[in-house]
Structure formats: C-alpha cells, structure tokens
Amino acid sequence: MKAIRIHEVGGPEVLIFEDLPDPSPAPGQVVIDIQAVGVNITDVNTRSGVNPPRSIPLTLGIEAAGVVSAVGDGVTDLRGGDRVACYWGAMGSYAERSAVPADKVVKLPDRLDVRAGAAALVQGMTAHYLAYSTYPLKPGDSCVVHAGAGGTGLLLIQMAKRAGAYVFATVSTDEKAALAQEAGSDRTIIYTREDFEEEVNKATDGRGVQVVYDSVGRTTFDKSLNCLAPRGCLALYGHASGPVTAVSEERLAEKSVFLTRPGLPHYIADREELLRRAGEVFDWIASGELKLRIGGTFPLADAAEAHRQMESRNTTGKLLLIP
C-alpha cells in the first residue's frame, strides 16, 4: 500500500510518498480501507517538530474514514463492510489502509458520506466539548470564537448559536468574514483591520464576554483575557501562532477569570462519551442542522501541498487527502 511518511522533521518537503506492507489487525483492532483523510494542525506540528514525534520513520495522520476490511480477535461490534470514521487511536491515517484500535472507531450514519465523516470527527467533537462541556453555553451568554472560518471555528459558531449564545467571531479577510456570518456569527471582526479587544468591549459596554474560545495562542492571548467578563473563562485549545508564555496568578485575579487548556482526549475519555459526542455531531450534519465546509481536497501523494496551504492560514473549513 501507499502511505505518507516522515524520516525527519522539517518542512512539507519531508513528507515522502512510499510503499509499506499492508497492515493486519492485532487483537482489539480493525483494518480500515481509507477513503478520506482529515488533515489537522497536529499533523503539521508533528511534521515540523513543534510537537516532535516519539520515533521516526512515522506515518502521519490521526483522522480518517473508510470501510472496515478486517477485524481482529475480540472485536464484536464492528464487521467487514462497515462504514466508519476513526480518530487519534494510532498514528497512521495518511495511508491507503490502517490498523486502528476498535474502541477509537465510530460507525457512520447511512445519510453521511465518507468524506463528511473524515472532515467532521476531530473538529466536530472539539467544537462540541468546547460549547457544551468546557464552558457550557446558555441563552444570554456571549462568546468570542477565534479563527472563525476554520474547520473548528465554523462548527463552533453554529453550536454556540444552537445553545443560544451571542457570537463574536474573529477572521483575517472579507472572504472568511462572509463564511463566519453564514455560519451564524452575530458580529464578525476582521482582526487585520480592527482590534478585536476594543470591538468586543465596545459592543458589550465594557462588560466583556463569558468565554473566549482561543486556538491561536500567543498573538491573541492577552487580548482574549481582556475580553472576559468577571469570572469569565478563557478556553485555550490550541496555539497556531505559538505557545503562550507563563501567566501570573495576579493577571487572572484581576477579574477572577478562569484559564483552561482543554484537549479532545480528555473529553472522550471512555467509549460512551466518544459515541455520544460523535453521534450528535454526525446526526446534526446528516440532518442538515450543522453545515460542514470542506475547504479543499488533495490526492494523498500531494500531502505536502495540503500542509503548505494549511500553514499559509489562507484555508477555510477542513482539508482532506484522498488515497
């Protein structure tokens, strides 16, 4: 089979399209014939060495969807021919086939196609835990969603509106602003022309918002804190612009705010929670209640170009690789 591997960390050029043996399922695993691969910022960070891999060579990828082709011993709830999506169970989704733990695999609803399954799982469950668990939004709340035209941002805006919140979204261009508004943003701030801290505080008469969902990190962190109402919450769930430096307890004490660094694995800590979150996301997409944007598709062999475009920050929605 073909796969994308790295033998060293570095730029997109270290992504090598090469032959590997077909996998076989170990006990508790299934083999998936992959039909679509989700591209995630964690893939870029692993490849570049921001989050160095534990060992190399390594097949990249944490998210994919396809069809089960083989089942290992002890697996009882999946069978050959099932249409499924998988996430984060084992590195290796940038490939034509992958053996993954069965407990990290979710069946796709009949009404959801495989590409939507690959595009929705990680970002959809991330938006779900942020809006409904990290800070459970309720009617009357206000929130800031950074990177509002990204894969997670567009879904998070929709889920925040579903919960009854007022949404400020930050984006970099007019094109991205249009996408955020289409998703339901009440006030879209083009941060390359406007100061989002000033705009949020002006719109709230200085009261601030209950929560800021921040995947950008270093360049937005201080202003995000300044947007919070007393006892507000800053959910820092990524660092696309770089990691945040240390913050003093006095800084948080100014308005008794909360700072949390959530991550998806802790919000799908058991099989029941995984199935609940994934099931709701998939059902909402299949019914049309949640709109999914696939911003680009690339042949698996062109993974380097997908990484280049993601690093340019000019992309919107989700990027997919197609084996």
Protein backbone atom coordinates (compact mmCIF):
# COMPACT_ATOMS: atom_id res chain seq x y z
CA MET A 1 0.00 0.00 0.00
CA LYS A 2 0.98 3.65 -0.34
CA ALA A 3 1.49 5.96 2.65
CA ILE A 4 2.93 9.34 3.56
CA ARG A 5 5.87 9.01 5.95
CA ILE A 6 8.45 11.26 7.56
CA HIS A 7 12.04 10.16 8.18
CA GLU A 8 12.99 13.51 9.74
CA VAL A 9 11.17 16.59 10.96
CA GLY A 10 11.13 19.71 8.83
CA GLY A 11 9.15 21.48 6.14
CA PRO A 12 6.49 19.95 3.89
CA GLU A 13 9.26 18.51 1.70
CA VAL A 14 9.98 15.81 4.35
CA LEU A 15 6.62 14.16 3.56
CA ILE A 16 7.54 11.09 1.49
CA PHE A 17 5.04 9.05 -0.55
CA GLU A 18 6.25 5.47 -0.30
CA ASP A 19 5.28 1.79 -0.21
CA LEU A 20 4.53 -0.05 3.02
CA PRO A 21 3.28 -3.57 3.75
CA ASP A 22 -0.46 -3.96 4.15
CA PRO A 23 -1.41 -3.98 7.84
CA SER A 24 -3.05 -6.86 9.68
CA PRO A 25 -5.29 -6.35 12.72
CA ALA A 26 -3.94 -7.21 16.15
CA PRO A 27 -6.41 -8.30 18.84
CA GLY A 28 -8.81 -5.43 19.51
CA GLN A 29 -8.03 -3.74 16.18
CA VAL A 30 -9.69 -3.35 12.81
CA VAL A 31 -8.14 -2.58 9.44
CA ILE A 32 -9.77 0.29 7.56
CA ASP A 33 -9.52 0.75 3.82
CA ILE A 34 -9.21 4.51 3.95
CA GLN A 35 -11.26 6.63 1.54
CA ALA A 36 -10.68 10.09 3.04
CA VAL A 37 -8.12 11.51 5.49
CA GLY A 38 -8.63 14.56 7.71
CA VAL A 39 -5.69 16.99 7.76
CA ASN A 40 -5.16 18.53 11.19
CA ILE A 41 -2.85 21.13 12.66
CA THR A 42 -1.39 18.45 14.92
CA ASP A 43 -0.12 16.70 11.76
CA VAL A 44 1.69 19.89 10.78
CA ASN A 45 3.13 20.31 14.27
CA THR A 46 4.39 16.71 14.32
CA ARG A 47 5.96 17.01 10.88
CA SER A 48 7.63 20.35 11.66
CA GLY A 49 8.95 19.27 15.06
CA VAL A 50 6.83 21.71 17.11
CA ASN A 51 5.48 18.58 18.78
CA PRO A 52 8.31 16.13 17.99
CA PRO A 53 7.32 12.53 17.26
CA ARG A 54 8.50 9.91 19.72
CA SER A 55 10.12 7.91 16.94
CA ILE A 56 10.67 8.03 13.20
CA PRO A 57 10.12 6.98 10.50
CA LEU A 58 6.45 7.68 11.08
CA THR A 59 3.24 7.58 9.06
CA LEU A 60 1.39 10.79 9.82
CA GLY A 61 -2.32 11.26 10.45
CA ILE A 62 -4.84 10.93 13.27
CA GLU A 63 -8.19 11.01 11.45
CA ALA A 64 -9.76 9.11 8.57
CA ALA A 65 -12.89 7.44 7.29
CA GLY A 66 -13.45 4.41 5.13
CA VAL A 67 -14.61 0.81 5.21
CA VAL A 68 -13.63 -1.96 7.63
CA SER A 69 -11.80 -4.70 5.70
CA ALA A 70 -10.51 -6.94 8.51
CA VAL A 71 -11.39 -7.49 12.16
CA GLY A 72 -9.05 -8.65 14.92
CA ASP A 73 -9.79 -11.05 17.73
CA GLY A 74 -12.05 -9.71 20.45
CA VAL A 75 -13.83 -7.13 18.29
CA THR A 76 -17.56 -7.77 18.44
CA ASP A 77 -19.31 -4.54 17.43
CA LEU A 78 -17.67 -4.00 14.03
CA ARG A 79 -17.56 -6.20 10.96
CA GLY A 80 -16.21 -6.16 7.44
CA GLY A 81 -18.02 -3.68 5.21
CA ASP A 82 -18.95 -1.22 7.98
CA ARG A 83 -18.52 2.42 7.01
CA VAL A 84 -16.59 4.09 9.81
CA ALA A 85 -14.52 7.04 10.94
CA CYS A 86 -11.59 6.88 13.35
CA TYR A 87 -9.59 9.41 15.30
CA TRP A 88 -6.39 9.66 17.32
CA GLY A 89 -6.24 5.98 18.15
CA ALA A 90 -2.92 5.42 16.47
CA MET A 91 -0.78 7.44 14.12
CA GLY A 92 -1.03 6.37 10.52
CA SER A 93 -4.10 7.69 8.67
CA TYR A 94 -2.05 9.18 5.79
CA ALA A 95 -2.24 5.82 4.05
CA GLU A 96 -4.40 3.60 1.92
CA ARG A 97 -5.02 1.27 4.88
CA SER A 98 -4.53 1.46 8.62
CA ALA A 99 -4.92 -0.87 11.59
CA VAL A 100 -6.51 1.04 14.47
CA PRO A 101 -7.96 0.23 17.91
CA ALA A 102 -11.61 -0.68 17.50
CA ASP A 103 -12.58 1.46 20.50
CA LYS A 104 -11.47 4.57 18.57
CA VAL A 105 -13.77 3.77 15.64
CA VAL A 106 -17.29 5.15 15.14
CA LYS A 107 -19.84 3.90 12.62
CA LEU A 108 -21.12 6.46 10.13
CA PRO A 109 -24.85 7.09 9.80
CA ASP A 110 -26.31 5.91 6.49
CA ARG A 111 -27.05 9.50 5.48
CA LEU A 112 -23.45 10.69 5.98
CA ASP A 113 -20.86 10.15 3.27
CA VAL A 114 -17.31 9.07 3.99
CA ARG A 115 -15.72 12.43 3.19
CA ALA A 116 -18.03 14.18 5.63
CA GLY A 117 -17.11 11.56 8.22
CA ALA A 118 -13.41 12.26 7.81
CA ALA A 119 -13.98 16.02 7.85
CA ALA A 120 -16.24 16.16 10.90
CA LEU A 121 -14.89 13.88 13.60
CA VAL A 122 -11.99 15.74 15.25
CA GLN A 123 -13.16 19.31 14.66
CA GLY A 124 -16.80 18.44 15.28
CA MET A 125 -16.13 16.76 18.63
CA THR A 126 -13.75 19.60 19.57
CA ALA A 127 -16.44 22.20 18.93
CA HIS A 128 -18.92 20.02 20.81
CA TYR A 129 -16.88 19.72 24.01
CA LEU A 130 -15.95 23.41 23.95
CA ALA A 131 -19.53 24.64 23.59
CA TYR A 132 -21.26 22.08 25.78
CA SER A 133 -18.66 20.93 28.36
CA THR A 134 -15.60 23.19 28.80
CA TYR A 135 -17.86 26.21 29.16
CA PRO A 136 -21.47 25.08 28.66
CA LEU A 137 -23.07 27.96 26.80
CA LYS A 138 -26.60 29.01 27.63
CA PRO A 139 -29.07 31.58 26.27
CA GLY A 140 -27.88 35.10 27.02
CA ASP A 141 -24.16 34.24 27.09
CA SER A 142 -21.68 35.94 24.79
CA CYS A 143 -18.54 34.30 23.43
CA VAL A 144 -15.58 35.01 21.18
CA VAL A 145 -14.60 32.39 18.61
CA HIS A 146 -11.13 32.94 17.17
CA ALA A 147 -10.26 31.53 13.72
CA GLY A 148 -13.96 31.68 12.94
CA ALA A 149 -13.62 30.43 9.35
CA GLY A 150 -11.50 27.40 10.21
CA GLY A 151 -12.72 23.84 10.45
CA THR A 152 -13.43 24.02 14.16
CA GLY A 153 -14.43 27.68 14.15
CA LEU A 154 -17.27 27.30 11.66
CA LEU A 155 -18.71 24.36 13.59
CA LEU A 156 -18.22 26.08 16.95
CA ILE A 157 -20.10 29.18 15.78
CA GLN A 158 -23.04 27.02 14.77
CA MET A 159 -23.04 25.09 18.04
CA ALA A 160 -22.79 28.31 20.07
CA LYS A 161 -25.82 29.70 18.23
CA ARG A 162 -27.63 26.41 18.79
CA ALA A 163 -27.02 26.92 22.54
CA GLY A 164 -28.48 30.43 22.38
CA ALA A 165 -25.27 32.48 22.71
CA TYR A 166 -24.26 35.75 21.04
CA VAL A 167 -21.14 35.09 18.97
CA PHE A 168 -18.22 37.35 18.15
CA ALA A 169 -16.00 35.69 15.51
CA THR A 170 -12.53 36.85 14.50
CA VAL A 171 -11.19 36.27 10.99
CA SER A 172 -8.45 37.70 8.78
CA THR A 173 -10.21 38.50 5.47
CA ASP A 174 -13.53 39.59 3.99
CA GLU A 175 -13.95 36.16 2.41
CA LYS A 176 -13.56 34.47 5.77
CA ALA A 177 -15.90 37.01 7.36
CA ALA A 178 -18.62 36.02 4.90
CA LEU A 179 -18.21 32.36 5.88
CA ALA A 180 -18.37 33.13 9.60
CA GLN A 181 -21.51 35.22 9.08
CA GLU A 182 -23.09 32.46 7.05
CA ALA A 183 -22.37 30.10 9.97
CA GLY A 184 -24.28 32.46 12.28
CA SER A 185 -21.75 34.89 13.75
CA ASP A 186 -23.54 37.92 15.21
CA ARG A 187 -20.51 40.21 14.99
CA THR A 188 -17.57 39.30 12.78
CA ILE A 189 -14.31 41.14 13.43
CA ILE A 190 -11.61 41.28 10.76
CA TYR A 191 -8.63 41.39 13.09
CA THR A 192 -6.25 42.60 10.38
CA ARG A 193 -8.23 45.86 10.28
CA GLU A 194 -9.90 46.03 13.70
CA ASP A 195 -8.75 45.50 17.28
CA PHE A 196 -10.92 42.64 18.49
CA GLU A 197 -10.44 43.57 22.16
CA GLU A 198 -11.70 47.08 21.54
CA GLU A 199 -14.61 45.89 19.40
CA VAL A 200 -15.77 43.27 21.90
CA ASN A 201 -15.57 45.59 24.88
CA LYS A 202 -17.29 48.38 22.98
CA ALA A 203 -20.12 46.08 21.89
CA THR A 204 -20.62 44.78 25.45
CA ASP A 205 -20.36 48.25 27.08
CA GLY A 206 -17.22 47.09 28.83
CA ARG A 207 -18.86 44.09 30.46
CA GLY A 208 -16.95 41.53 28.39
CA VAL A 209 -17.95 38.01 27.38
CA GLN A 210 -18.47 34.84 29.38
CA VAL A 211 -15.98 32.78 27.35
CA VAL A 212 -13.29 33.12 24.70
CA TYR A 213 -12.51 30.03 22.62
CA ASP A 214 -8.92 30.57 21.50
CA SER A 215 -6.99 28.24 19.20
CA VAL A 216 -4.48 30.89 18.13
CA GLY A 217 -2.42 31.26 21.29
CA ARG A 218 0.47 33.69 21.62
CA THR A 219 -0.77 36.57 19.47
CA THR A 220 -4.33 36.63 20.85
CA PHE A 221 -3.88 35.51 24.46
CA ASP A 222 -3.56 38.84 26.30
CA LYS A 223 -6.38 40.48 24.38
CA SER A 224 -8.54 37.39 24.87
CA LEU A 225 -8.11 37.74 28.64
CA ASN A 226 -9.04 41.41 28.36
CA CYS A 227 -12.30 40.48 26.62
CA LEU A 228 -13.55 38.39 29.53
CA ALA A 229 -16.23 39.42 31.98
CA PRO A 230 -15.55 38.89 35.68
CA ARG A 231 -15.45 35.13 36.36
CA GLY A 232 -15.21 34.52 32.60
CA CYS A 233 -13.37 31.59 31.06
CA LEU A 234 -10.56 31.53 28.50
CA ALA A 235 -10.51 28.12 26.80
CA LEU A 236 -7.10 27.94 25.12
CA TYR A 237 -7.43 24.84 22.96
CA GLY A 238 -4.59 25.45 20.51
CA HIS A 239 -1.56 27.60 19.74
CA ALA A 240 -1.43 28.17 15.98
CA SER A 241 0.65 31.35 16.47
CA GLY A 242 2.93 29.76 19.05
CA PRO A 243 2.72 28.67 22.68
CA VAL A 244 1.67 31.13 25.37
CA THR A 245 4.29 32.27 27.85
CA ALA A 246 3.66 31.96 31.59
CA VAL A 247 0.74 33.94 33.00
CA SER A 248 0.76 35.14 36.60
CA GLU A 249 -1.98 34.39 39.07
CA GLU A 250 -2.32 38.16 39.61
CA ARG A 251 -3.28 38.51 35.94
CA LEU A 252 -6.12 36.03 36.42
CA ALA A 253 -7.12 37.60 39.73
CA GLU A 254 -7.82 40.98 38.11
CA LYS A 255 -11.32 39.74 37.21
CA SER A 256 -11.32 36.31 38.89
CA VAL A 257 -11.18 34.65 35.47
CA PHE A 258 -10.59 31.01 34.67
CA LEU A 259 -7.93 29.71 32.28
CA THR A 260 -8.15 26.17 30.93
CA ARG A 261 -6.14 24.24 28.35
CA PRO A 262 -8.59 21.55 27.21
CA GLY A 263 -7.81 18.70 24.84
CA LEU A 264 -10.11 16.33 22.99
CA PRO A 265 -8.83 13.04 24.51
CA HIS A 266 -9.98 14.11 27.98
CA TYR A 267 -13.49 14.86 26.69
CA ILE A 268 -13.91 11.46 25.07
CA ALA A 269 -12.31 9.61 27.93
CA ASP A 270 -14.47 6.50 27.54
CA ARG A 271 -16.32 4.75 24.76
CA GLU A 272 -19.71 6.03 25.90
CA GLU A 273 -18.65 9.67 25.76
CA LEU A 274 -16.99 9.19 22.36
CA LEU A 275 -20.13 7.66 20.88
CA ARG A 276 -22.35 10.37 22.37
CA ARG A 277 -20.30 13.29 21.07
CA ALA A 278 -19.57 11.77 17.67
CA GLY A 279 -23.16 10.59 17.33
CA GLU A 280 -24.62 14.04 17.96
CA VAL A 281 -22.17 15.71 15.56
CA PHE A 282 -22.82 13.17 12.81
CA ASP A 283 -26.61 13.28 13.30
CA TRP A 284 -26.67 17.09 13.14
CA ILE A 285 -24.62 17.09 9.93
CA ALA A 286 -26.67 14.31 8.34
CA SER A 287 -29.91 16.18 9.14
CA GLY A 288 -28.60 19.50 7.80
CA GLU A 289 -28.78 21.17 11.21
CA LEU A 290 -24.99 21.58 11.15
CA LYS A 291 -23.27 22.72 7.96
CA LEU A 292 -19.86 21.23 7.21
CA ARG A 293 -17.39 23.02 4.96
CA ILE A 294 -14.70 21.04 3.16
CA GLY A 295 -12.26 23.70 2.05
CA GLY A 296 -10.10 21.56 -0.21
CA THR A 297 -9.25 18.00 -1.25
CA PHE A 298 -5.85 16.69 -2.38
CA PRO A 299 -4.58 13.32 -3.58
CA LEU A 300 -2.72 11.52 -0.82
CA ALA A 301 0.51 11.95 -2.77
CA ASP A 302 0.05 15.74 -2.54
CA ALA A 303 0.00 15.88 1.26
CA ALA A 304 2.87 18.38 1.20
CA GLU A 305 0.73 20.87 -0.70
CA ALA A 306 -2.09 20.44 1.81
CA HIS A 307 0.38 21.22 4.60
CA ARG A 308 1.68 24.28 2.76
CA GLN A 309 -1.82 25.64 2.36
CA MET A 310 -2.70 24.98 5.99
CA GLU A 311 0.45 26.76 7.16
CA SER A 312 -0.36 29.74 4.94
CA ARG A 313 -3.54 30.30 7.01
CA ASN A 314 -5.40 31.03 3.80
CA THR A 315 -7.57 27.93 4.06
CA THR A 316 -11.16 27.71 5.28
CA GLY A 317 -13.04 24.74 6.63
CA LYS A 318 -11.49 21.28 6.53
CA LEU A 319 -8.79 19.91 4.24
CA LEU A 320 -8.90 16.28 3.12
CA LEU A 321 -6.47 13.84 1.50
CA ILE A 322 -7.93 11.22 -0.83
CA PRO A 323 -5.96 7.95 -1.19
